[in-house]
Amino acid sequence: MAIDNRLLPRTLAAQAAALPAEWAQVLAAPRVALALDGVIRHVEARLAEGATVYPATPLRALSALAPSEVRVVILGQDPYHGPGQAQGLAFSVPDDCKCPPSLRNIFKEIGRDYALSGAPGHDLGPWVEQGVLLLNTSLTVEDGQPGSHAKKGWETVTDAIFARVAQDPAPKAFLLWGAHAQAKAALLPPGHPHLVLAANHPSPLSATRPPTPFIGCGHFRLTNNWLAKQGQTLIDWTRTFKKNPHQAEFRL
């Protein structure tokens, strides 16, 4: 059964108020707070007009990880805009949802770096549990309308979140896929200790094209090689493949 991923009225403000203190401090900065208030008012107005907004938990990526717990950042754009898809984590969908094309290419690239066992779960929550922040630039979207909540204030909010993570003294890996994500590199502080890896977006429209094809980029192994040099535990990128043994076989 597909999960109902519709955002309900008044839940966005409640979710923001319930975030861990470290994120609350980021959102309390005057410019960010003003932008978030504008987003909430816009979302509530659209819901009152009958729009269907996804996902049910726009701030899931933040509720799961404090800034100091983030070890890897993967930046997406919009949430998925169909029923039962978006769940508040960039590129992730519920296990019973058909694998979207970009996520399929992500799995293909993992398969180039690591031997895969079992069938994949499409919910990337197991990555989050290991310190991977899966952040979209816009955190809500309307049914069937990609980009519908872009330029409504979310960018100010998520830029502040990205910058807060980048300011943390602990080295982190930033995987920037596509020109949109790569533009966020300007938010990294001068002389930062982080790893920055750039490639095309995993969408089928760009995954195999120049200048830096996503397929073959090796980002998952490169990230783990770097984490090992930092003395950190590696990310088990294949963990999602091991948790859903009864799902039909995934073919690369």
C-alpha atoms as a PDB file:
ATOM      1  CA  MET A   1       0.000   0.000   0.000  1.00  0.00           C
ATOM      2  CA  ALA A   2       1.344   3.439  -0.958  1.00  0.00           C
ATOM      3  CA  ILE A   3       2.107   5.825   1.873  1.00  0.00           C
ATOM      4  CA  ASP A   4       0.013   9.007   2.050  1.00  0.00           C
ATOM      5  CA  ASN A   5       2.681  11.678   1.698  1.00  0.00           C
ATOM      6  CA  ARG A   6       0.411  14.744   1.605  1.00  0.00           C
ATOM      7  CA  LEU A   7       1.260  17.649   3.888  1.00  0.00           C
ATOM      8  CA  LEU A   8      -1.641  18.513   6.191  1.00  0.00           C
ATOM      9  CA  PRO A   9      -2.596  22.061   7.274  1.00  0.00           C
ATOM     10  CA  ARG A  10      -0.639  23.583  10.154  1.00  0.00           C
ATOM     11  CA  THR A  11       1.836  20.706  10.310  1.00  0.00           C
ATOM     12  CA  LEU A  12       4.768  22.538   8.689  1.00  0.00           C
ATOM     13  CA  ALA A  13       4.918  25.152  11.442  1.00  0.00           C
ATOM     14  CA  ALA A  14       4.629  22.422  14.071  1.00  0.00           C
ATOM     15  CA  GLN A  15       7.465  20.450  12.517  1.00  0.00           C
ATOM     16  CA  ALA A  16       9.699  23.525  12.409  1.00  0.00           C
ATOM     17  CA  ALA A  17       8.969  24.251  16.081  1.00  0.00           C
ATOM     18  CA  ALA A  18       9.925  20.680  17.035  1.00  0.00           C
ATOM     19  CA  LEU A  19      13.381  20.686  15.397  1.00  0.00           C
ATOM     20  CA  PRO A  20      16.495  20.078  17.520  1.00  0.00           C
ATOM     21  CA  ALA A  21      17.963  23.185  19.151  1.00  0.00           C
ATOM     22  CA  GLU A  22      20.954  23.388  16.780  1.00  0.00           C
ATOM     23  CA  TRP A  23      18.667  23.709  13.762  1.00  0.00           C
ATOM     24  CA  ALA A  24      16.296  26.019  15.618  1.00  0.00           C
ATOM     25  CA  GLN A  25      19.172  28.454  16.080  1.00  0.00           C
ATOM     26  CA  VAL A  26      19.789  28.467  12.333  1.00  0.00           C
ATOM     27  CA  LEU A  27      16.125  29.106  11.569  1.00  0.00           C
ATOM     28  CA  ALA A  28      15.902  31.849  14.211  1.00  0.00           C
ATOM     29  CA  ALA A  29      18.297  34.174  12.369  1.00  0.00           C
ATOM     30  CA  PRO A  30      16.159  37.176  11.298  1.00  0.00           C
ATOM     31  CA  ARG A  31      16.533  36.778   7.533  1.00  0.00           C
ATOM     32  CA  VAL A  32      15.967  33.014   7.699  1.00  0.00           C
ATOM     33  CA  ALA A  33      13.033  33.292  10.099  1.00  0.00           C
ATOM     34  CA  LEU A  34      11.376  35.828   7.790  1.00  0.00           C
ATOM     35  CA  ALA A  35      11.824  33.506   4.797  1.00  0.00           C
ATOM     36  CA  LEU A  36      10.506  30.474   6.686  1.00  0.00           C
ATOM     37  CA  ASP A  37       7.473  32.429   7.876  1.00  0.00           C
ATOM     38  CA  GLY A  38       6.788  33.400   4.263  1.00  0.00           C
ATOM     39  CA  VAL A  39       7.058  29.787   3.126  1.00  0.00           C
ATOM     40  CA  ILE A  40       4.696  28.603   5.849  1.00  0.00           C
ATOM     41  CA  ARG A  41       2.150  31.273   4.962  1.00  0.00           C
ATOM     42  CA  HIS A  42       2.387  30.368   1.259  1.00  0.00           C
ATOM     43  CA  VAL A  43       1.986  26.651   1.937  1.00  0.00           C
ATOM     44  CA  GLU A  44      -0.969  27.223   4.250  1.00  0.00           C
ATOM     45  CA  ALA A  45      -2.634  29.462   1.672  1.00  0.00           C
ATOM     46  CA  ARG A  46      -2.214  26.863  -1.062  1.00  0.00           C
ATOM     47  CA  LEU A  47      -3.579  24.116   1.183  1.00  0.00           C
ATOM     48  CA  ALA A  48      -6.593  26.303   1.982  1.00  0.00           C
ATOM     49  CA  GLU A  49      -7.143  26.732  -1.762  1.00  0.00           C
ATOM     50  CA  GLY A  50      -7.258  22.955  -2.194  1.00  0.00           C
ATOM     51  CA  ALA A  51      -3.737  22.266  -3.437  1.00  0.00           C
ATOM     52  CA  THR A  52      -2.079  18.950  -2.619  1.00  0.00           C
ATOM     53  CA  VAL A  53       1.396  19.558  -1.193  1.00  0.00           C
ATOM     54  CA  TYR A  54       4.162  16.999  -0.680  1.00  0.00           C
ATOM     55  CA  PRO A  55       5.774  15.611   1.434  1.00  0.00           C
ATOM     56  CA  ALA A  56       4.054  15.035   4.773  1.00  0.00           C
ATOM     57  CA  THR A  57       7.366  15.607   6.570  1.00  0.00           C
ATOM     58  CA  PRO A  58       9.291  18.368   4.722  1.00  0.00           C
ATOM     59  CA  LEU A  59      11.844  18.694   7.550  1.00  0.00           C
ATOM     60  CA  ARG A  60      12.583  14.995   7.998  1.00  0.00           C
ATOM     61  CA  ALA A  61      16.230  15.400   6.948  1.00  0.00           C
ATOM     62  CA  LEU A  62      16.783  17.883   9.797  1.00  0.00           C
ATOM     63  CA  SER A  63      14.812  16.054  12.453  1.00  0.00           C
ATOM     64  CA  ALA A  64      17.010  12.989  11.967  1.00  0.00           C
ATOM     65  CA  LEU A  65      20.473  14.635  12.196  1.00  0.00           C
ATOM     66  CA  ALA A  66      21.996  17.474  14.193  1.00  0.00           C
ATOM     67  CA  PRO A  67      24.608  19.555  12.312  1.00  0.00           C
ATOM     68  CA  SER A  68      27.444  17.958  14.285  1.00  0.00           C
ATOM     69  CA  GLU A  69      26.222  14.483  13.257  1.00  0.00           C
ATOM     70  CA  VAL A  70      26.377  15.184   9.517  1.00  0.00           C
ATOM     71  CA  ARG A  71      29.304  13.482   7.765  1.00  0.00           C
ATOM     72  CA  VAL A  72      28.157  13.623   4.130  1.00  0.00           C
ATOM     73  CA  VAL A  73      25.855  16.100   2.360  1.00  0.00           C
ATOM     74  CA  ILE A  74      23.934  15.208  -0.811  1.00  0.00           C
ATOM     75  CA  LEU A  75      21.895  18.070  -2.224  1.00  0.00           C
ATOM     76  CA  GLY A  76      18.794  17.661  -4.371  1.00  0.00           C
ATOM     77  CA  GLN A  77      16.358  20.199  -5.823  1.00  0.00           C
ATOM     78  CA  ASP A  78      12.596  19.574  -5.515  1.00  0.00           C
ATOM     79  CA  PRO A  79      10.817  16.812  -3.655  1.00  0.00           C
ATOM     80  CA  TYR A  80       9.134  14.278  -5.930  1.00  0.00           C
ATOM     81  CA  HIS A  81       5.747  15.610  -7.014  1.00  0.00           C
ATOM     82  CA  GLY A  82       3.640  12.436  -7.194  1.00  0.00           C
ATOM     83  CA  PRO A  83       1.465  10.540  -4.718  1.00  0.00           C
ATOM     84  CA  GLY A  84       3.370   8.218  -2.380  1.00  0.00           C
ATOM     85  CA  GLN A  85       6.824   9.419  -3.458  1.00  0.00           C
ATOM     86  CA  ALA A  86       8.448  12.302  -1.543  1.00  0.00           C
ATOM     87  CA  GLN A  87       9.271  11.621   2.099  1.00  0.00           C
ATOM     88  CA  GLY A  88      11.483  14.511   3.158  1.00  0.00           C
ATOM     89  CA  LEU A  89      14.841  13.071   2.058  1.00  0.00           C
ATOM     90  CA  ALA A  90      16.443  14.057  -1.257  1.00  0.00           C
ATOM     91  CA  PHE A  91      16.271  11.285  -3.897  1.00  0.00           C
ATOM     92  CA  SER A  92      14.560   8.875  -1.454  1.00  0.00           C
ATOM     93  CA  VAL A  93      11.139   7.227  -1.842  1.00  0.00           C
ATOM     94  CA  PRO A  94       9.340   4.551   0.208  1.00  0.00           C
ATOM     95  CA  ASP A  95      10.383   0.974  -0.386  1.00  0.00           C
ATOM     96  CA  ASP A  96       7.104   0.044  -2.081  1.00  0.00           C
ATOM     97  CA  CYS A  97       7.364   2.957  -4.537  1.00  0.00           C
ATOM     98  CA  LYS A  98       8.709   2.445  -8.046  1.00  0.00           C
ATOM     99  CA  CYS A  99      12.363   3.459  -8.229  1.00  0.00           C
ATOM    100  CA  PRO A 100      12.631   6.954  -9.838  1.00  0.00           C
ATOM    101  CA  PRO A 101      15.156   7.317 -12.700  1.00  0.00           C
ATOM    102  CA  SER A 102      17.663   9.447 -10.773  1.00  0.00           C
ATOM    103  CA  LEU A 103      17.666   7.046  -7.828  1.00  0.00           C
ATOM    104  CA  ARG A 104      18.086   4.133 -10.230  1.00  0.00           C
ATOM    105  CA  ASN A 105      21.222   5.798 -11.611  1.00  0.00           C
ATOM    106  CA  ILE A 106      22.465   6.378  -8.065  1.00  0.00           C
ATOM    107  CA  PHE A 107      22.109   2.650  -7.426  1.00  0.00           C
ATOM    108  CA  LYS A 108      23.880   1.907 -10.710  1.00  0.00           C
ATOM    109  CA  GLU A 109      26.828   4.030  -9.644  1.00  0.00           C
ATOM    110  CA  ILE A 110      26.971   2.339  -6.249  1.00  0.00           C
ATOM    111  CA  GLY A 111      26.993  -0.955  -8.127  1.00  0.00           C
ATOM    112  CA  ARG A 112      30.089   0.167 -10.023  1.00  0.00           C
ATOM    113  CA  ASP A 113      31.919   0.819  -6.756  1.00  0.00           C
ATOM    114  CA  TYR A 114      30.631  -2.003  -4.564  1.00  0.00           C
ATOM    115  CA  ALA A 115      29.236  -5.495  -4.939  1.00  0.00           C
ATOM    116  CA  LEU A 116      25.534  -5.401  -4.205  1.00  0.00           C
ATOM    117  CA  SER A 117      23.645  -8.121  -2.374  1.00  0.00           C
ATOM    118  CA  GLY A 118      19.899  -8.566  -2.184  1.00  0.00           C
ATOM    119  CA  ALA A 119      17.300  -6.181  -3.530  1.00  0.00           C
ATOM    120  CA  PRO A 120      17.312  -2.465  -2.761  1.00  0.00           C
ATOM    121  CA  GLY A 121      15.024  -0.592  -0.454  1.00  0.00           C
ATOM    122  CA  HIS A 122      14.301   2.784  -2.010  1.00  0.00           C
ATOM    123  CA  ASP A 123      14.022   4.549   1.362  1.00  0.00           C
ATOM    124  CA  LEU A 124      17.483   6.006   1.975  1.00  0.00           C
ATOM    125  CA  GLY A 125      16.903   6.261   5.703  1.00  0.00           C
ATOM    126  CA  PRO A 126      19.786   3.804   6.307  1.00  0.00           C
ATOM    127  CA  TRP A 127      22.132   6.433   4.864  1.00  0.00           C
ATOM    128  CA  VAL A 128      20.728   9.093   7.192  1.00  0.00           C
ATOM    129  CA  GLU A 129      21.376   6.799  10.155  1.00  0.00           C
ATOM    130  CA  GLN A 130      25.058   6.901   9.173  1.00  0.00           C
ATOM    131  CA  GLY A 131      25.274  10.701   8.993  1.00  0.00           C
ATOM    132  CA  VAL A 132      24.242  11.470   5.406  1.00  0.00           C
ATOM    133  CA  LEU A 133      22.179  14.665   5.086  1.00  0.00           C
ATOM    134  CA  LEU A 134      19.805  14.307   2.114  1.00  0.00           C
ATOM    135  CA  LEU A 135      18.686  17.904   1.640  1.00  0.00           C
ATOM    136  CA  ASN A 136      16.543  19.377  -1.111  1.00  0.00           C
ATOM    137  CA  THR A 137      16.802  23.071  -1.989  1.00  0.00           C
ATOM    138  CA  SER A 138      13.004  23.440  -1.887  1.00  0.00           C
ATOM    139  CA  LEU A 139      11.342  21.303   0.758  1.00  0.00           C
ATOM    140  CA  THR A 140       7.756  21.270  -0.535  1.00  0.00           C
ATOM    141  CA  VAL A 141       6.099  20.921  -3.922  1.00  0.00           C
ATOM    142  CA  GLU A 142       2.560  20.692  -5.308  1.00  0.00           C
ATOM    143  CA  ASP A 143       1.101  17.611  -6.907  1.00  0.00           C
ATOM    144  CA  GLY A 144       2.239  17.272 -10.513  1.00  0.00           C
ATOM    145  CA  GLN A 145       3.962  20.662 -10.527  1.00  0.00           C
ATOM    146  CA  PRO A 146       7.757  20.409 -10.230  1.00  0.00           C
ATOM    147  CA  GLY A 147       9.342  23.645  -9.080  1.00  0.00           C
ATOM    148  CA  SER A 148       6.026  25.031  -7.835  1.00  0.00           C
ATOM    149  CA  HIS A 149       7.479  26.093  -4.471  1.00  0.00           C
ATOM    150  CA  ALA A 150      10.813  27.327  -5.792  1.00  0.00           C
ATOM    151  CA  LYS A 151      11.604  30.990  -5.110  1.00  0.00           C
ATOM    152  CA  LYS A 152       9.056  31.127  -2.285  1.00  0.00           C
ATOM    153  CA  GLY A 153      11.687  31.410   0.426  1.00  0.00           C
ATOM    154  CA  TRP A 154      12.887  27.832   0.796  1.00  0.00           C
ATOM    155  CA  GLU A 155      16.213  28.677  -0.860  1.00  0.00           C
ATOM    156  CA  THR A 156      17.081  31.146   1.916  1.00  0.00           C
ATOM    157  CA  VAL A 157      16.245  28.513   4.530  1.00  0.00           C
ATOM    158  CA  THR A 158      18.167  25.667   2.930  1.00  0.00           C
ATOM    159  CA  ASP A 159      21.162  27.874   2.084  1.00  0.00           C
ATOM    160  CA  ALA A 160      21.386  28.697   5.791  1.00  0.00           C
ATOM    161  CA  ILE A 161      21.191  24.992   6.656  1.00  0.00           C
ATOM    162  CA  PHE A 162      23.909  24.155   4.109  1.00  0.00           C
ATOM    163  CA  ALA A 163      26.133  26.974   5.399  1.00  0.00           C
ATOM    164  CA  ARG A 164      25.650  25.876   9.023  1.00  0.00           C
ATOM    165  CA  VAL A 165      26.800  22.357   8.205  1.00  0.00           C
ATOM    166  CA  ALA A 166      29.775  23.722   6.242  1.00  0.00           C
ATOM    167  CA  GLN A 167      30.811  25.881   9.204  1.00  0.00           C
ATOM    168  CA  ASP A 168      31.074  22.883  11.506  1.00  0.00           C
ATOM    169  CA  PRO A 169      34.787  22.229  12.208  1.00  0.00           C
ATOM    170  CA  ALA A 170      34.514  18.484  11.638  1.00  0.00           C
ATOM    171  CA  PRO A 171      35.447  17.653   8.000  1.00  0.00           C
ATOM    172  CA  LYS A 172      32.516  16.542   5.846  1.00  0.00           C
ATOM    173  CA  ALA A 173      32.042  15.347   2.284  1.00  0.00           C
ATOM    174  CA  PHE A 174      29.833  17.429  -0.013  1.00  0.00           C
ATOM    175  CA  LEU A 175      28.555  15.557  -3.085  1.00  0.00           C
ATOM    176  CA  LEU A 176      27.328  18.201  -5.524  1.00  0.00           C
ATOM    177  CA  TRP A 177      25.490  16.737  -8.510  1.00  0.00           C
ATOM    178  CA  GLY A 178      24.455  19.132 -11.261  1.00  0.00           C
ATOM    179  CA  ALA A 179      24.938  22.863 -11.754  1.00  0.00           C
ATOM    180  CA  HIS A 180      22.211  23.719  -9.251  1.00  0.00           C
ATOM    181  CA  ALA A 181      23.951  21.872  -6.422  1.00  0.00           C
ATOM    182  CA  GLN A 182      27.409  22.986  -7.505  1.00  0.00           C
ATOM    183  CA  ALA A 183      26.382  26.622  -7.153  1.00  0.00           C
ATOM    184  CA  LYS A 184      26.086  25.977  -3.405  1.00  0.00           C
ATOM    185  CA  ALA A 185      29.858  25.539  -3.194  1.00  0.00           C
ATOM    186  CA  ALA A 186      29.972  29.337  -2.851  1.00  0.00           C
ATOM    187  CA  LEU A 187      28.503  28.852   0.646  1.00  0.00           C
ATOM    188  CA  LEU A 188      31.553  26.890   1.814  1.00  0.00           C
ATOM    189  CA  PRO A 189      33.830  29.007   4.045  1.00  0.00           C
ATOM    190  CA  PRO A 190      37.342  29.908   2.814  1.00  0.00           C
ATOM    191  CA  GLY A 191      39.975  27.380   3.810  1.00  0.00           C
ATOM    192  CA  HIS A 192      37.387  24.765   4.750  1.00  0.00           C
ATOM    193  CA  PRO A 193      38.552  21.214   5.553  1.00  0.00           C
ATOM    194  CA  HIS A 194      35.809  19.491   3.586  1.00  0.00           C
ATOM    195  CA  LEU A 195      35.842  17.156   0.596  1.00  0.00           C
ATOM    196  CA  VAL A 196      33.895  18.540  -2.380  1.00  0.00           C
ATOM    197  CA  LEU A 197      33.016  16.193  -5.250  1.00  0.00           C
ATOM    198  CA  ALA A 198      31.171  17.503  -8.312  1.00  0.00           C
ATOM    199  CA  ALA A 199      29.497  15.652 -11.186  1.00  0.00           C
ATOM    200  CA  ASN A 200      26.476  15.917 -13.436  1.00  0.00           C
ATOM    201  CA  HIS A 201      23.039  15.289 -11.952  1.00  0.00           C
ATOM    202  CA  PRO A 202      22.040  11.587 -11.866  1.00  0.00           C
ATOM    203  CA  SER A 203      18.976  12.295 -14.009  1.00  0.00           C
ATOM    204  CA  PRO A 204      18.966  10.235 -17.238  1.00  0.00           C
ATOM    205  CA  LEU A 205      19.085  13.554 -19.119  1.00  0.00           C
ATOM    206  CA  SER A 206      22.602  14.279 -17.847  1.00  0.00           C
ATOM    207  CA  ALA A 207      24.006  11.220 -16.053  1.00  0.00           C
ATOM    208  CA  THR A 208      26.175  10.065 -18.966  1.00  0.00           C
ATOM    209  CA  ARG A 209      26.940  13.419 -20.590  1.00  0.00           C
ATOM    210  CA  PRO A 210      29.998  15.670 -20.302  1.00  0.00           C
ATOM    211  CA  PRO A 211      31.572  17.566 -18.695  1.00  0.00           C
ATOM    212  CA  THR A 212      31.575  15.171 -15.698  1.00  0.00           C
ATOM    213  CA  PRO A 213      29.198  12.238 -16.190  1.00  0.00           C
ATOM    214  CA  PHE A 214      27.553  11.001 -13.011  1.00  0.00           C
ATOM    215  CA  ILE A 215      27.877   7.398 -14.168  1.00  0.00           C
ATOM    216  CA  GLY A 216      31.527   6.597 -13.552  1.00  0.00           C
ATOM    217  CA  CYS A 217      32.181   9.482 -11.143  1.00  0.00           C
ATOM    218  CA  GLY A 218      33.112   7.098  -8.320  1.00  0.00           C
ATOM    219  CA  HIS A 219      31.802   9.454  -5.652  1.00  0.00           C
ATOM    220  CA  PHE A 220      30.681   6.752  -3.254  1.00  0.00           C
ATOM    221  CA  ARG A 221      34.066   5.036  -3.102  1.00  0.00           C
ATOM    222  CA  LEU A 222      35.947   8.352  -3.163  1.00  0.00           C
ATOM    223  CA  THR A 223      33.909   9.523  -0.183  1.00  0.00           C
ATOM    224  CA  ASN A 224      34.710   6.382   1.782  1.00  0.00           C
ATOM    225  CA  ASN A 225      38.393   6.564   0.883  1.00  0.00           C
ATOM    226  CA  TRP A 226      38.436  10.123   2.230  1.00  0.00           C
ATOM    227  CA  LEU A 227      36.490   9.196   5.374  1.00  0.00           C
ATOM    228  CA  ALA A 228      39.017   6.444   6.041  1.00  0.00           C
ATOM    229  CA  LYS A 229      41.855   8.989   5.855  1.00  0.00           C
ATOM    230  CA  GLN A 230      39.958  11.101   8.391  1.00  0.00           C
ATOM    231  CA  GLY A 231      39.789   8.108  10.730  1.00  0.00           C
ATOM    232  CA  GLN A 232      36.007   7.944  10.352  1.00  0.00           C
ATOM    233  CA  THR A 233      33.695   4.978   9.936  1.00  0.00           C
ATOM    234  CA  LEU A 234      32.829   4.324   6.295  1.00  0.00           C
ATOM    235  CA  ILE A 235      29.330   4.810   4.897  1.00  0.00           C
ATOM    236  CA  ASP A 236      27.714   1.499   3.997  1.00  0.00           C
ATOM    237  CA  TRP A 237      26.072   2.708   0.789  1.00  0.00           C
ATOM    238  CA  THR A 238      24.738  -0.800   0.163  1.00  0.00           C
ATOM    239  CA  ARG A 239      22.838  -1.040   3.448  1.00  0.00           C
ATOM    240  CA  THR A 240      19.541  -0.186   1.785  1.00  0.00           C
ATOM    241  CA  PHE A 241      20.037  -3.224  -0.483  1.00  0.00           C
ATOM    242  CA  LYS A 242      20.203  -5.570   2.471  1.00  0.00           C
ATOM    243  CA  LYS A 243      17.082  -4.582   4.357  1.00  0.00           C
ATOM    244  CA  ASN A 244      14.407  -5.602   1.855  1.00  0.00           C
ATOM    245  CA  PRO A 245      15.124  -9.233   0.877  1.00  0.00           C
ATOM    246  CA  HIS A 246      11.592 -10.000  -0.339  1.00  0.00           C
ATOM    247  CA  GLN A 247      11.475  -7.223  -2.929  1.00  0.00           C
ATOM    248  CA  ALA A 248      11.861  -8.178  -6.578  1.00  0.00           C
ATOM    249  CA  GLU A 249      15.448  -8.288  -7.793  1.00  0.00           C
ATOM    250  CA  PHE A 250      16.898  -4.960  -8.828  1.00  0.00           C
ATOM    251  CA  ARG A 251      18.657  -5.140 -12.182  1.00  0.00           C
ATOM    252  CA  LEU A 252      21.514  -2.739 -12.861  1.00  0.00           C
END
